[in-house]
Structure formats: structure tokens, C-alpha cells
Amino acid sequence: MSDTLGWGIAFALFCYVLAMGLTLVRLLHGPAAQDRVQALDYLYTMGMLAVLVLGLRYASGMYFEISLLI
């Protein structure tokens, strides 16, 4: 794996974790039930994308199958 790809994967994972953290705040303190449902939907979408990026990082097809299950 090239150095640029490694930095890109690390940056993408950081962005996904940051987005998941902010979404968790919205999930816990959302003003309406619709906001909480949308935050939960976004949370598992970000989780699936983080698993896909980890699959690229470790060059394993198992992570892609896990993301399909999510």
C-alpha cells in the first residue's frame, strides 16, 4: 500500500468517526423523534462505510461481506 493511500484511509476513518460522534449527539439530544430516527439511519450508514474503508486498509474481502450484512 502506498503512503498516500494510507494517509487517505486514515483521514477517511477519522472523518467517519467524527461524523458518527456528531450523529450520536443528535441521536441522544434530537428535538424530535424524526431527528432521532434519521440520526440512527445515518449512524449505521457511517458504520457500514467505516467497515468498507477498513476492508480497503486490510485488503480483506471479509469486511465487504460484513458491510453487506449491515
N, C-alpha and C. Protein backbone atom coordinates (compact mmCIF):
# COMPACT_ATOMS: atom_id res chain seq x y z
N MET A 1 0.85 -1.16 0.00
CA MET A 1 0.00 0.00 0.00
C MET A 1 0.90 1.23 0.00
N SER A 2 0.53 2.19 -0.83
CA SER A 2 1.33 3.40 -0.91
C SER A 2 1.09 4.29 0.31
N ASP A 3 2.02 5.19 0.52
CA ASP A 3 1.93 6.09 1.66
C ASP A 3 0.73 7.03 1.53
N THR A 4 0.45 7.48 0.32
CA THR A 4 -0.68 8.37 0.08
C THR A 4 -2.00 7.67 0.38
N LEU A 5 -2.11 6.42 -0.03
CA LEU A 5 -3.33 5.65 0.24
C LEU A 5 -3.50 5.43 1.74
N GLY A 6 -2.43 5.19 2.45
CA GLY A 6 -2.50 5.01 3.90
C GLY A 6 -3.01 6.26 4.60
N TRP A 7 -2.48 7.42 4.19
CA TRP A 7 -2.94 8.68 4.78
C TRP A 7 -4.39 8.95 4.42
N GLY A 8 -4.77 8.62 3.19
CA GLY A 8 -6.17 8.82 2.76
C GLY A 8 -7.14 7.95 3.53
N ILE A 9 -6.75 6.71 3.79
CA ILE A 9 -7.60 5.81 4.56
C ILE A 9 -7.71 6.29 6.01
N ALA A 10 -6.60 6.74 6.57
CA ALA A 10 -6.63 7.25 7.95
C ALA A 10 -7.51 8.49 8.04
N PHE A 11 -7.42 9.37 7.06
CA PHE A 11 -8.25 10.57 7.04
C PHE A 11 -9.72 10.22 6.89
N ALA A 12 -10.03 9.26 6.01
CA ALA A 12 -11.42 8.85 5.82
C ALA A 12 -11.98 8.24 7.09
N LEU A 13 -11.21 7.41 7.78
CA LEU A 13 -11.68 6.83 9.03
C LEU A 13 -11.89 7.90 10.09
N PHE A 14 -11.00 8.88 10.16
CA PHE A 14 -11.18 9.99 11.09
C PHE A 14 -12.46 10.75 10.81
N CYS A 15 -12.73 11.02 9.54
CA CYS A 15 -13.95 11.75 9.17
C CYS A 15 -15.20 10.94 9.52
N TYR A 16 -15.16 9.63 9.29
CA TYR A 16 -16.31 8.79 9.61
C TYR A 16 -16.55 8.73 11.12
N VAL A 17 -15.48 8.63 11.89
CA VAL A 17 -15.63 8.59 13.35
C VAL A 17 -16.15 9.93 13.86
N LEU A 18 -15.67 11.02 13.31
CA LEU A 18 -16.16 12.34 13.68
C LEU A 18 -17.65 12.48 13.34
N ALA A 19 -18.04 12.04 12.15
CA ALA A 19 -19.44 12.11 11.74
C ALA A 19 -20.31 11.24 12.63
N MET A 20 -19.79 10.07 13.01
CA MET A 20 -20.55 9.19 13.89
C MET A 20 -20.71 9.81 15.28
N GLY A 21 -19.70 10.48 15.76
CA GLY A 21 -19.80 11.14 17.06
C GLY A 21 -20.83 12.26 17.05
N LEU A 22 -20.80 13.08 16.02
CA LEU A 22 -21.77 14.16 15.91
C LEU A 22 -23.19 13.62 15.73
N THR A 23 -23.31 12.52 15.01
CA THR A 23 -24.61 11.90 14.83
C THR A 23 -25.12 11.31 16.14
N LEU A 24 -24.22 10.78 16.94
CA LEU A 24 -24.62 10.25 18.24
C LEU A 24 -25.16 11.35 19.15
N VAL A 25 -24.57 12.53 19.06
CA VAL A 25 -25.09 13.67 19.82
C VAL A 25 -26.50 14.00 19.35
N ARG A 26 -26.72 13.98 18.05
CA ARG A 26 -28.06 14.26 17.50
C ARG A 26 -29.04 13.17 17.92
N LEU A 27 -28.57 11.94 17.98
CA LEU A 27 -29.43 10.83 18.37
C LEU A 27 -29.88 10.96 19.83
N LEU A 28 -28.98 11.39 20.69
CA LEU A 28 -29.30 11.49 22.11
C LEU A 28 -30.06 12.75 22.46
N HIS A 29 -29.83 13.85 21.74
CA HIS A 29 -30.43 15.13 22.09
C HIS A 29 -31.29 15.72 20.98
N GLY A 30 -31.78 14.88 20.08
CA GLY A 30 -32.58 15.40 18.98
C GLY A 30 -33.87 16.03 19.48
N PRO A 31 -34.30 17.12 18.85
CA PRO A 31 -35.50 17.78 19.33
C PRO A 31 -36.78 17.00 19.03
N ALA A 32 -36.77 16.17 18.01
CA ALA A 32 -37.98 15.43 17.64
C ALA A 32 -37.63 13.97 17.37
N ALA A 33 -38.65 13.15 17.37
CA ALA A 33 -38.45 11.72 17.11
C ALA A 33 -37.94 11.48 15.69
N GLN A 34 -38.37 12.31 14.75
CA GLN A 34 -37.92 12.15 13.37
C GLN A 34 -36.42 12.41 13.26
N ASP A 35 -35.91 13.37 14.01
CA ASP A 35 -34.48 13.64 14.00
C ASP A 35 -33.70 12.45 14.54
N ARG A 36 -34.23 11.82 15.57
CA ARG A 36 -33.55 10.67 16.16
C ARG A 36 -33.55 9.48 15.22
N VAL A 37 -34.65 9.26 14.50
CA VAL A 37 -34.71 8.16 13.54
C VAL A 37 -33.75 8.40 12.39
N GLN A 38 -33.68 9.60 11.91
CA GLN A 38 -32.76 9.92 10.83
C GLN A 38 -31.31 9.80 11.29
N ALA A 39 -31.03 10.19 12.52
CA ALA A 39 -29.67 10.05 13.06
C ALA A 39 -29.28 8.59 13.19
N LEU A 40 -30.21 7.74 13.60
CA LEU A 40 -29.92 6.31 13.70
C LEU A 40 -29.64 5.71 12.33
N ASP A 41 -30.41 6.12 11.33
CA ASP A 41 -30.18 5.66 9.96
C ASP A 41 -28.81 6.10 9.46
N TYR A 42 -28.45 7.33 9.73
CA TYR A 42 -27.15 7.86 9.30
C TYR A 42 -26.01 7.19 10.05
N LEU A 43 -26.27 6.84 11.31
CA LEU A 43 -25.24 6.20 12.13
C LEU A 43 -24.86 4.83 11.58
N TYR A 44 -25.84 4.02 11.22
CA TYR A 44 -25.46 2.72 10.68
C TYR A 44 -24.92 2.82 9.26
N THR A 45 -25.29 3.86 8.51
CA THR A 45 -24.69 4.06 7.20
C THR A 45 -23.20 4.42 7.34
N MET A 46 -22.89 5.29 8.29
CA MET A 46 -21.49 5.64 8.53
C MET A 46 -20.70 4.44 9.05
N GLY A 47 -21.33 3.60 9.86
CA GLY A 47 -20.68 2.39 10.33
C GLY A 47 -20.34 1.44 9.18
N MET A 48 -21.27 1.31 8.24
CA MET A 48 -21.04 0.45 7.09
C MET A 48 -19.89 1.00 6.24
N LEU A 49 -19.85 2.31 6.05
CA LEU A 49 -18.77 2.90 5.25
C LEU A 49 -17.43 2.77 5.95
N ALA A 50 -17.41 2.86 7.27
CA ALA A 50 -16.16 2.68 8.01
C ALA A 50 -15.66 1.24 7.87
N VAL A 51 -16.58 0.28 7.88
CA VAL A 51 -16.18 -1.12 7.68
C VAL A 51 -15.62 -1.32 6.28
N LEU A 52 -16.21 -0.67 5.29
CA LEU A 52 -15.68 -0.77 3.92
C LEU A 52 -14.27 -0.20 3.82
N VAL A 53 -14.03 0.93 4.47
CA VAL A 53 -12.69 1.52 4.44
C VAL A 53 -11.69 0.61 5.16
N LEU A 54 -12.11 -0.01 6.25
CA LEU A 54 -11.24 -0.97 6.92
C LEU A 54 -10.94 -2.17 6.01
N GLY A 55 -11.91 -2.56 5.19
CA GLY A 55 -11.67 -3.62 4.23
C GLY A 55 -10.61 -3.24 3.21
N LEU A 56 -10.60 -1.97 2.80
CA LEU A 56 -9.54 -1.50 1.91
C LEU A 56 -8.20 -1.48 2.62
N ARG A 57 -8.21 -1.08 3.89
CA ARG A 57 -6.96 -0.98 4.65
C ARG A 57 -6.30 -2.32 4.84
N TYR A 58 -7.08 -3.34 5.20
CA TYR A 58 -6.52 -4.66 5.47
C TYR A 58 -6.58 -5.60 4.27
N ALA A 59 -7.08 -5.12 3.13
CA ALA A 59 -7.15 -5.90 1.88
C ALA A 59 -7.79 -7.25 2.11
N SER A 60 -8.96 -7.22 2.76
CA SER A 60 -9.67 -8.44 3.07
C SER A 60 -11.09 -8.35 2.54
N GLY A 61 -11.54 -9.40 1.89
CA GLY A 61 -12.90 -9.43 1.37
C GLY A 61 -13.95 -9.67 2.44
N MET A 62 -13.51 -10.14 3.60
CA MET A 62 -14.46 -10.41 4.68
C MET A 62 -15.15 -9.13 5.15
N TYR A 63 -14.45 -8.02 5.14
CA TYR A 63 -15.04 -6.75 5.56
C TYR A 63 -16.15 -6.32 4.61
N PHE A 64 -16.01 -6.63 3.34
CA PHE A 64 -17.04 -6.28 2.38
C PHE A 64 -18.30 -7.11 2.60
N GLU A 65 -18.12 -8.37 2.97
CA GLU A 65 -19.28 -9.22 3.27
C GLU A 65 -19.97 -8.75 4.55
N ILE A 66 -19.19 -8.29 5.53
CA ILE A 66 -19.78 -7.76 6.75
C ILE A 66 -20.60 -6.50 6.45
N SER A 67 -20.08 -5.65 5.57
CA SER A 67 -20.81 -4.43 5.23
C SER A 67 -22.11 -4.75 4.49
N LEU A 68 -22.13 -5.83 3.72
CA LEU A 68 -23.39 -6.23 3.08
C LEU A 68 -24.40 -6.68 4.10
N LEU A 69 -23.96 -7.31 5.17
CA LEU A 69 -24.89 -7.72 6.23
C LEU A 69 -25.46 -6.53 6.98
N ILE A 70 -24.65 -5.49 7.12
CA ILE A 70 -25.14 -4.29 7.81
C ILE A 70 -26.22 -3.67 6.96
